[in-house]
Amino acid sequence: MSTEAPRRWEYRAVEPPTELTKRESANPETRMTELGREGWRLVETVSYDGGGTKFLIFERPLEDE
């Protein structure tokens, strides 16, 4: 049996960028790359009932204080 403490996580919810019309999503690749460099990884998307992505959910291990 392991005596290690369970890993703790922190989360970030990011709205996908939108085009000028504010109705269509823009390519989030640049923002996702920035977050990846900071140690975040995409784990889930939250969508509107009628379709379309409302949030991108990222996680990363919580640094020990």
Protein backbone atom coordinates (compact mmCIF):
# COMPACT_ATOMS: atom_id res chain seq x y z
CA MET A 1 0.00 0.00 0.00
CA SER A 2 1.35 3.40 -1.01
CA THR A 3 1.84 6.10 1.62
CA GLU A 4 2.20 8.90 -0.92
CA ALA A 5 -0.33 11.71 -0.76
CA PRO A 6 -2.73 11.79 -3.71
CA ARG A 7 -1.76 14.15 -6.53
CA ARG A 8 -3.50 17.50 -6.36
CA TRP A 9 -4.64 19.39 -9.46
CA GLU A 10 -5.52 22.92 -10.43
CA TYR A 11 -7.94 23.73 -13.24
CA ARG A 12 -8.55 26.54 -15.69
CA ALA A 13 -11.65 27.14 -17.83
CA VAL A 14 -10.97 29.13 -20.99
CA GLU A 15 -13.55 30.46 -23.44
CA PRO A 16 -12.57 29.68 -27.04
CA PRO A 17 -11.64 32.82 -28.99
CA THR A 18 -14.30 34.10 -31.37
CA GLU A 19 -14.23 35.69 -34.81
CA LEU A 20 -15.45 39.25 -35.38
CA THR A 21 -19.10 38.12 -35.48
CA LYS A 22 -18.71 36.68 -31.95
CA ARG A 23 -20.76 33.69 -33.17
CA GLU A 24 -18.05 31.45 -34.57
CA SER A 25 -14.97 30.15 -32.82
CA ALA A 26 -11.55 31.15 -34.04
CA ASN A 27 -8.69 28.67 -34.08
CA PRO A 28 -7.55 28.30 -30.41
CA GLU A 29 -4.18 26.75 -31.31
CA THR A 30 -2.05 29.74 -30.28
CA ARG A 31 -3.71 30.06 -26.86
CA MET A 32 -3.59 26.29 -26.30
CA THR A 33 0.13 26.24 -27.15
CA GLU A 34 0.76 29.03 -24.61
CA LEU A 35 -1.10 27.11 -21.92
CA GLY A 36 0.77 23.90 -22.81
CA ARG A 37 4.08 25.69 -22.28
CA GLU A 38 2.84 26.67 -18.81
CA GLY A 39 2.16 23.01 -18.00
CA TRP A 40 -1.60 22.97 -18.68
CA ARG A 41 -3.23 20.15 -20.67
CA LEU A 42 -6.68 20.06 -22.24
CA VAL A 43 -8.89 17.52 -20.48
CA GLU A 44 -12.47 18.39 -21.43
CA THR A 45 -14.74 20.70 -23.37
CA VAL A 46 -18.06 22.08 -22.16
CA SER A 47 -20.60 22.64 -24.93
CA TYR A 48 -23.82 24.58 -25.32
CA ASP A 49 -27.00 22.50 -25.51
CA GLY A 50 -27.51 23.56 -29.13
CA GLY A 51 -23.89 22.86 -30.11
CA GLY A 52 -20.67 24.81 -30.00
CA THR A 53 -17.97 24.87 -27.36
CA LYS A 54 -18.51 27.12 -24.36
CA PHE A 55 -15.33 26.33 -22.40
CA LEU A 56 -12.05 24.47 -22.80
CA ILE A 57 -11.05 22.85 -19.48
CA PHE A 58 -7.35 22.50 -18.67
CA GLU A 59 -5.56 20.91 -15.73
CA ARG A 60 -2.03 20.73 -14.37
CA PRO A 61 -0.50 19.27 -11.22
CA LEU A 62 -0.64 21.68 -8.31
CA GLU A 63 2.84 22.73 -7.28
CA ASP A 64 3.77 21.97 -3.70
CA GLU A 65 3.63 25.06 -1.53
